[in-house]
Amino acid sequence: MAELGCPVCDSPLDEAGSTFRCVLCEGAWVREEVLVAILEQRASTLVALPWVARQDKPRPCAECTADMQTVNLGSVALDRCAQHGVWFDANEMTELLKQVKLFKANTDPVSEHEAHRTGLLTRLAKLFGG
């Protein structure tokens, strides 16, 4: 994989587990499937991410450098490349984790198992290039 660049200060990002961090501005690059997994683990249930568009100056994607969408997730303002991931400025991930209950998927008990299975199959397909 090519070196990832910080959308804020253009410095190289360092790998930090399943995320990437900027040592200068303390921002983080998180692939969307990793973000969903983090939030689902924190909420102990499936989550749905209600992205809400906003109008701010776009930042470049850390992977492809195309302009990212400026979005809100809960009350947190983020930058999102639908293909590659989400940019978190310093402390935005902490703020998002405080709101995790807002993102619980609305499923009934009968379909919850099916939704989990379908979500798992979709993630596996993405992982293995399907």
C-alpha atoms as a PDB file:
ATOM      1  CA  MET A   1       0.000   0.000   0.000  1.00  0.00           C
ATOM      2  CA  ALA A   2       1.209   3.501  -0.800  1.00  0.00           C
ATOM      3  CA  GLU A   3       2.093   5.788   2.086  1.00  0.00           C
ATOM      4  CA  LEU A   4      -0.949   7.585   3.468  1.00  0.00           C
ATOM      5  CA  GLY A   5      -0.856  11.354   3.912  1.00  0.00           C
ATOM      6  CA  CYS A   6      -2.592  13.449   6.563  1.00  0.00           C
ATOM      7  CA  PRO A   7      -5.517  15.436   5.064  1.00  0.00           C
ATOM      8  CA  VAL A   8      -4.816  18.283   7.496  1.00  0.00           C
ATOM      9  CA  CYS A   9      -1.034  18.786   7.552  1.00  0.00           C
ATOM     10  CA  ASP A  10       0.096  16.460   4.707  1.00  0.00           C
ATOM     11  CA  SER A  11       2.575  14.562   6.903  1.00  0.00           C
ATOM     12  CA  PRO A  12       2.839  10.751   6.566  1.00  0.00           C
ATOM     13  CA  LEU A  13       0.440   8.700   8.686  1.00  0.00           C
ATOM     14  CA  ASP A  14       1.747   6.015  11.037  1.00  0.00           C
ATOM     15  CA  GLU A  15      -0.024   2.671  11.326  1.00  0.00           C
ATOM     16  CA  ALA A  16      -1.631   2.261  14.757  1.00  0.00           C
ATOM     17  CA  GLY A  17      -3.291  -1.146  14.936  1.00  0.00           C
ATOM     18  CA  SER A  18      -6.165  -1.074  12.453  1.00  0.00           C
ATOM     19  CA  THR A  19      -6.072   2.728  12.135  1.00  0.00           C
ATOM     20  CA  PHE A  20      -3.511   5.310  11.014  1.00  0.00           C
ATOM     21  CA  ARG A  21      -2.415   8.333  13.096  1.00  0.00           C
ATOM     22  CA  CYS A  22      -0.823  11.678  12.376  1.00  0.00           C
ATOM     23  CA  VAL A  23       1.852  12.471  14.954  1.00  0.00           C
ATOM     24  CA  LEU A  24       1.695  16.210  14.181  1.00  0.00           C
ATOM     25  CA  CYS A  25      -2.035  17.009  14.408  1.00  0.00           C
ATOM     26  CA  GLU A  26      -3.079  13.814  16.281  1.00  0.00           C
ATOM     27  CA  GLY A  27      -5.790  13.027  13.722  1.00  0.00           C
ATOM     28  CA  ALA A  28      -6.718   9.481  12.717  1.00  0.00           C
ATOM     29  CA  TRP A  29      -7.595   7.752   9.430  1.00  0.00           C
ATOM     30  CA  VAL A  30     -10.043   4.880   9.887  1.00  0.00           C
ATOM     31  CA  ARG A  31     -11.415   2.688   7.127  1.00  0.00           C
ATOM     32  CA  GLU A  32     -15.214   2.599   7.290  1.00  0.00           C
ATOM     33  CA  GLU A  33     -15.438  -1.160   7.894  1.00  0.00           C
ATOM     34  CA  VAL A  34     -13.016  -0.764  10.828  1.00  0.00           C
ATOM     35  CA  LEU A  35     -15.119   2.111  12.204  1.00  0.00           C
ATOM     36  CA  VAL A  36     -18.276  -0.023  11.998  1.00  0.00           C
ATOM     37  CA  ALA A  37     -16.507  -2.880  13.810  1.00  0.00           C
ATOM     38  CA  ILE A  38     -15.258  -0.525  16.561  1.00  0.00           C
ATOM     39  CA  LEU A  39     -18.725   0.954  17.087  1.00  0.00           C
ATOM     40  CA  GLU A  40     -20.442  -2.453  17.025  1.00  0.00           C
ATOM     41  CA  GLN A  41     -18.023  -3.766  19.627  1.00  0.00           C
ATOM     42  CA  ARG A  42     -18.594  -0.703  21.798  1.00  0.00           C
ATOM     43  CA  ALA A  43     -22.406  -0.891  21.410  1.00  0.00           C
ATOM     44  CA  SER A  44     -22.518  -4.702  21.689  1.00  0.00           C
ATOM     45  CA  THR A  45     -24.938  -4.739  18.755  1.00  0.00           C
ATOM     46  CA  LEU A  46     -25.172  -3.948  15.048  1.00  0.00           C
ATOM     47  CA  VAL A  47     -24.912  -0.286  14.139  1.00  0.00           C
ATOM     48  CA  ALA A  48     -26.101   1.834  11.230  1.00  0.00           C
ATOM     49  CA  LEU A  49     -24.189   5.015  10.424  1.00  0.00           C
ATOM     50  CA  PRO A  50     -26.523   7.918   9.565  1.00  0.00           C
ATOM     51  CA  TRP A  51     -24.140  10.162   7.595  1.00  0.00           C
ATOM     52  CA  VAL A  52     -25.503  13.714   7.235  1.00  0.00           C
ATOM     53  CA  ALA A  53     -23.903  15.945   4.578  1.00  0.00           C
ATOM     54  CA  ARG A  54     -22.669  19.400   5.530  1.00  0.00           C
ATOM     55  CA  GLN A  55     -21.029  22.169   3.518  1.00  0.00           C
ATOM     56  CA  ASP A  56     -17.426  22.829   4.533  1.00  0.00           C
ATOM     57  CA  LYS A  57     -14.216  23.070   2.581  1.00  0.00           C
ATOM     58  CA  PRO A  58     -13.356  19.489   1.571  1.00  0.00           C
ATOM     59  CA  ARG A  59     -10.104  17.830   2.576  1.00  0.00           C
ATOM     60  CA  PRO A  60      -8.219  15.301   0.446  1.00  0.00           C
ATOM     61  CA  CYS A  61      -8.623  11.572   1.104  1.00  0.00           C
ATOM     62  CA  ALA A  62      -5.565  10.080   2.829  1.00  0.00           C
ATOM     63  CA  GLU A  63      -5.516   7.260   0.245  1.00  0.00           C
ATOM     64  CA  CYS A  64      -6.671   8.628  -3.135  1.00  0.00           C
ATOM     65  CA  THR A  65      -6.362  12.419  -2.470  1.00  0.00           C
ATOM     66  CA  ALA A  66      -9.834  13.096  -3.983  1.00  0.00           C
ATOM     67  CA  ASP A  67     -11.988  15.594  -2.088  1.00  0.00           C
ATOM     68  CA  MET A  68     -13.793  13.922   0.795  1.00  0.00           C
ATOM     69  CA  GLN A  69     -17.409  14.567   1.750  1.00  0.00           C
ATOM     70  CA  THR A  70     -17.910  16.760   4.793  1.00  0.00           C
ATOM     71  CA  VAL A  71     -20.411  14.941   7.003  1.00  0.00           C
ATOM     72  CA  ASN A  72     -21.814  14.718  10.501  1.00  0.00           C
ATOM     73  CA  LEU A  73     -22.159  11.457  12.354  1.00  0.00           C
ATOM     74  CA  GLY A  74     -24.221  12.227  15.416  1.00  0.00           C
ATOM     75  CA  SER A  75     -22.937  15.620  16.494  1.00  0.00           C
ATOM     76  CA  VAL A  76     -19.369  14.961  15.299  1.00  0.00           C
ATOM     77  CA  ALA A  77     -18.175  16.755  12.131  1.00  0.00           C
ATOM     78  CA  LEU A  78     -16.059  14.379  10.011  1.00  0.00           C
ATOM     79  CA  ASP A  79     -14.517  14.032   6.564  1.00  0.00           C
ATOM     80  CA  ARG A  80     -15.434  10.879   4.627  1.00  0.00           C
ATOM     81  CA  CYS A  81     -14.261   9.171   1.468  1.00  0.00           C
ATOM     82  CA  ALA A  82     -16.998   6.622   0.739  1.00  0.00           C
ATOM     83  CA  GLN A  83     -14.438   4.334  -0.946  1.00  0.00           C
ATOM     84  CA  HIS A  84     -11.597   4.508   1.572  1.00  0.00           C
ATOM     85  CA  GLY A  85     -12.395   5.785   5.039  1.00  0.00           C
ATOM     86  CA  VAL A  86     -13.091   8.530   7.546  1.00  0.00           C
ATOM     87  CA  TRP A  87     -10.819  11.260   8.924  1.00  0.00           C
ATOM     88  CA  PHE A  88     -11.052  12.066  12.635  1.00  0.00           C
ATOM     89  CA  ASP A  89      -9.435  15.230  13.952  1.00  0.00           C
ATOM     90  CA  ALA A  90      -7.938  14.978  17.449  1.00  0.00           C
ATOM     91  CA  ASN A  91     -10.584  13.972  20.040  1.00  0.00           C
ATOM     92  CA  GLU A  92     -13.370  13.375  17.461  1.00  0.00           C
ATOM     93  CA  MET A  93     -13.184   9.581  17.880  1.00  0.00           C
ATOM     94  CA  THR A  94     -13.610  10.004  21.640  1.00  0.00           C
ATOM     95  CA  GLU A  95     -16.659  12.208  21.056  1.00  0.00           C
ATOM     96  CA  LEU A  96     -18.127   9.690  18.608  1.00  0.00           C
ATOM     97  CA  LEU A  97     -17.640   6.783  21.022  1.00  0.00           C
ATOM     98  CA  LYS A  98     -19.638   8.719  23.640  1.00  0.00           C
ATOM     99  CA  GLN A  99     -22.572   8.752  21.182  1.00  0.00           C
ATOM    100  CA  VAL A 100     -22.429   5.085  20.130  1.00  0.00           C
ATOM    101  CA  LYS A 101     -25.953   4.355  21.424  1.00  0.00           C
ATOM    102  CA  LEU A 102     -27.322   6.692  18.735  1.00  0.00           C
ATOM    103  CA  PHE A 103     -26.119   4.332  16.011  1.00  0.00           C
ATOM    104  CA  LYS A 104     -27.718   1.071  17.124  1.00  0.00           C
ATOM    105  CA  ALA A 105     -29.367  -0.547  14.132  1.00  0.00           C
ATOM    106  CA  ASN A 106     -33.154  -0.706  14.360  1.00  0.00           C
ATOM    107  CA  THR A 107     -33.826  -4.440  14.085  1.00  0.00           C
ATOM    108  CA  ASP A 108     -36.533  -6.647  15.495  1.00  0.00           C
ATOM    109  CA  PRO A 109     -35.526  -9.841  17.384  1.00  0.00           C
ATOM    110  CA  VAL A 110     -36.440 -12.134  14.466  1.00  0.00           C
ATOM    111  CA  SER A 111     -34.422 -10.251  11.842  1.00  0.00           C
ATOM    112  CA  GLU A 112     -31.486  -9.298  14.091  1.00  0.00           C
ATOM    113  CA  HIS A 113     -29.764 -12.651  13.481  1.00  0.00           C
ATOM    114  CA  GLU A 114     -30.340 -12.335   9.723  1.00  0.00           C
ATOM    115  CA  ALA A 115     -29.019  -8.742   9.714  1.00  0.00           C
ATOM    116  CA  HIS A 116     -25.921  -9.822  11.655  1.00  0.00           C
ATOM    117  CA  ARG A 117     -25.335 -12.740   9.275  1.00  0.00           C
ATOM    118  CA  THR A 118     -25.799 -10.534   6.203  1.00  0.00           C
ATOM    119  CA  GLY A 119     -23.499  -7.845   7.662  1.00  0.00           C
ATOM    120  CA  LEU A 120     -20.863 -10.462   8.437  1.00  0.00           C
ATOM    121  CA  LEU A 121     -21.094 -11.951   4.937  1.00  0.00           C
ATOM    122  CA  THR A 122     -20.793  -8.498   3.373  1.00  0.00           C
ATOM    123  CA  ARG A 123     -17.698  -7.719   5.460  1.00  0.00           C
ATOM    124  CA  LEU A 124     -16.131 -11.075   4.571  1.00  0.00           C
ATOM    125  CA  ALA A 125     -16.824 -10.473   0.881  1.00  0.00           C
ATOM    126  CA  LYS A 126     -15.117  -7.065   1.089  1.00  0.00           C
ATOM    127  CA  LEU A 127     -12.186  -8.582   2.960  1.00  0.00           C
ATOM    128  CA  PHE A 128     -11.670 -11.301   0.357  1.00  0.00           C
ATOM    129  CA  GLY A 129     -12.352  -9.094  -2.638  1.00  0.00           C
ATOM    130  CA  GLY A 130     -15.869 -10.352  -3.381  1.00  0.00           C
END
